Amino acid sequence: MNDLSKRATRKPDVPEEIQARWQRIVDLMGRVVGVPAGLIMRVDSPQIEVFLSSATEGNPYQKGERADLNTGHYCETVMKQRAPLLVPDALKDPEWDHNPDIKLGITF
């Protein structure tokens, strides 16, 4: 792989000071909204990565975790539709009752 190819496939660096600001935002969002997890995700095809994860009680996600794309995660749908997503109860919704996040207790 030549140098140009390496640069074209490399994820952009996000400066530490920007990451720290974003971390404060996801922490605040999680507390204000009252959800177990606030996340900033990043696509690194063929996977999706937890880029930042809120420091909220009960959050099952850790920074750096990865999952394969096209497996039905909520965030994939948000990215594909470029719109907010509301799932009141995945366990009662046939479109979402197979979501892989259910096993982590994330049902809405």
Protein backbone atom coordinates (compact mmCIF):
# COMPACT_ATOMS: atom_id res chain seq x y z
CA MET A 1 0.00 0.00 0.00
CA ASN A 2 1.48 3.35 -0.99
CA ASP A 3 1.49 6.47 1.21
CA LEU A 4 -1.53 8.00 -0.58
CA SER A 5 -3.59 4.85 -0.06
CA LYS A 6 -2.69 4.80 3.62
CA ARG A 7 -3.81 8.43 4.05
CA ALA A 8 -7.04 7.81 2.13
CA THR A 9 -8.05 4.92 4.40
CA ARG A 10 -6.83 6.37 7.70
CA LYS A 11 -9.46 7.75 10.10
CA PRO A 12 -9.12 11.49 10.67
CA ASP A 13 -7.52 12.47 13.95
CA VAL A 14 -9.69 14.41 16.38
CA PRO A 15 -7.59 16.59 18.67
CA GLU A 16 -7.68 15.70 22.37
CA GLU A 17 -9.17 19.09 23.35
CA ILE A 18 -12.09 18.53 20.94
CA GLN A 19 -12.60 15.00 22.28
CA ALA A 20 -12.67 16.40 25.84
CA ARG A 21 -15.38 18.91 24.82
CA TRP A 22 -17.40 16.22 23.11
CA GLN A 23 -17.03 13.99 26.18
CA ARG A 24 -18.51 16.72 28.39
CA ILE A 25 -21.42 17.04 25.94
CA VAL A 26 -22.26 13.30 25.91
CA ASP A 27 -21.95 13.16 29.71
CA LEU A 28 -24.29 16.12 30.12
CA MET A 29 -26.71 14.80 27.52
CA GLY A 30 -26.92 11.43 29.23
CA ARG A 31 -27.66 13.02 32.60
CA VAL A 32 -30.18 15.60 31.30
CA VAL A 33 -32.09 13.16 29.09
CA GLY A 34 -31.86 10.39 31.69
CA VAL A 35 -30.57 7.65 29.43
CA PRO A 36 -28.04 4.97 30.33
CA ALA A 37 -25.80 5.71 27.35
CA GLY A 38 -24.84 8.72 25.31
CA LEU A 39 -22.55 7.84 22.43
CA ILE A 40 -20.61 9.35 19.59
CA MET A 41 -20.10 6.64 17.01
CA ARG A 42 -17.65 6.54 14.13
CA VAL A 43 -17.81 4.37 11.03
CA ASP A 44 -14.60 2.55 10.23
CA SER A 45 -15.92 0.27 7.52
CA PRO A 46 -16.73 -2.57 7.75
CA GLN A 47 -17.33 -1.74 11.41
CA ILE A 48 -18.78 0.95 13.62
CA GLU A 49 -16.83 2.14 16.65
CA VAL A 50 -17.81 3.73 19.95
CA PHE A 51 -15.74 6.89 19.59
CA LEU A 52 -16.93 8.41 22.90
CA SER A 53 -19.20 7.00 25.58
CA SER A 54 -20.93 8.88 28.39
CA ALA A 55 -19.88 8.37 32.00
CA THR A 56 -23.47 7.62 33.03
CA GLU A 57 -24.67 4.98 35.46
CA GLY A 58 -25.53 1.72 33.75
CA ASN A 59 -23.78 2.52 30.48
CA PRO A 60 -22.74 -0.83 28.95
CA TYR A 61 -20.59 0.74 26.19
CA GLN A 62 -16.88 1.47 26.37
CA LYS A 63 -14.85 3.78 24.16
CA GLY A 64 -13.21 1.79 21.38
CA GLU A 65 -15.77 -1.03 21.22
CA ARG A 66 -16.58 -2.16 17.71
CA ALA A 67 -19.40 -3.94 15.95
CA ASP A 68 -19.92 -5.02 12.38
CA LEU A 69 -22.00 -2.71 10.23
CA ASN A 70 -25.39 -3.83 8.91
CA THR A 71 -26.28 -5.73 12.07
CA GLY A 72 -29.24 -3.56 13.06
CA HIS A 73 -27.89 -1.19 15.71
CA TYR A 74 -29.99 1.89 16.45
CA CYS A 75 -27.18 4.26 15.49
CA GLU A 76 -26.86 2.66 12.04
CA THR A 77 -30.48 3.52 11.34
CA VAL A 78 -29.97 7.11 12.47
CA MET A 79 -26.96 7.45 10.18
CA LYS A 80 -28.71 5.86 7.19
CA GLN A 81 -31.91 7.88 7.58
CA ARG A 82 -30.17 11.07 8.75
CA ALA A 83 -33.08 11.62 11.11
CA PRO A 84 -33.91 11.18 14.78
CA LEU A 85 -35.07 7.74 15.85
CA LEU A 86 -37.62 7.01 18.56
CA VAL A 87 -38.07 3.42 19.70
CA PRO A 88 -40.31 3.47 22.80
CA ASP A 89 -39.85 -0.25 23.53
CA ALA A 90 -37.84 -2.51 21.23
CA LEU A 91 -39.18 -5.60 22.99
CA LYS A 92 -42.71 -4.75 21.80
CA ASP A 93 -41.75 -3.59 18.31
CA PRO A 94 -41.33 -6.28 15.62
CA GLU A 95 -39.00 -3.98 13.69
CA TRP A 96 -36.63 -3.76 16.68
CA ASP A 97 -37.23 -6.85 18.84
CA HIS A 98 -34.11 -8.49 17.33
CA ASN A 99 -31.81 -5.50 17.90
CA PRO A 100 -28.37 -6.60 19.14
CA ASP A 101 -28.38 -3.85 21.82
CA ILE A 102 -31.27 -5.55 23.64
CA LYS A 103 -28.87 -8.04 25.20
CA LEU A 104 -27.14 -5.02 26.78
CA GLY A 105 -30.42 -3.77 28.23
CA ILE A 106 -30.85 -0.97 25.67
CA THR A 107 -34.48 -1.32 24.66
CA PHE A 108 -35.41 2.29 23.83
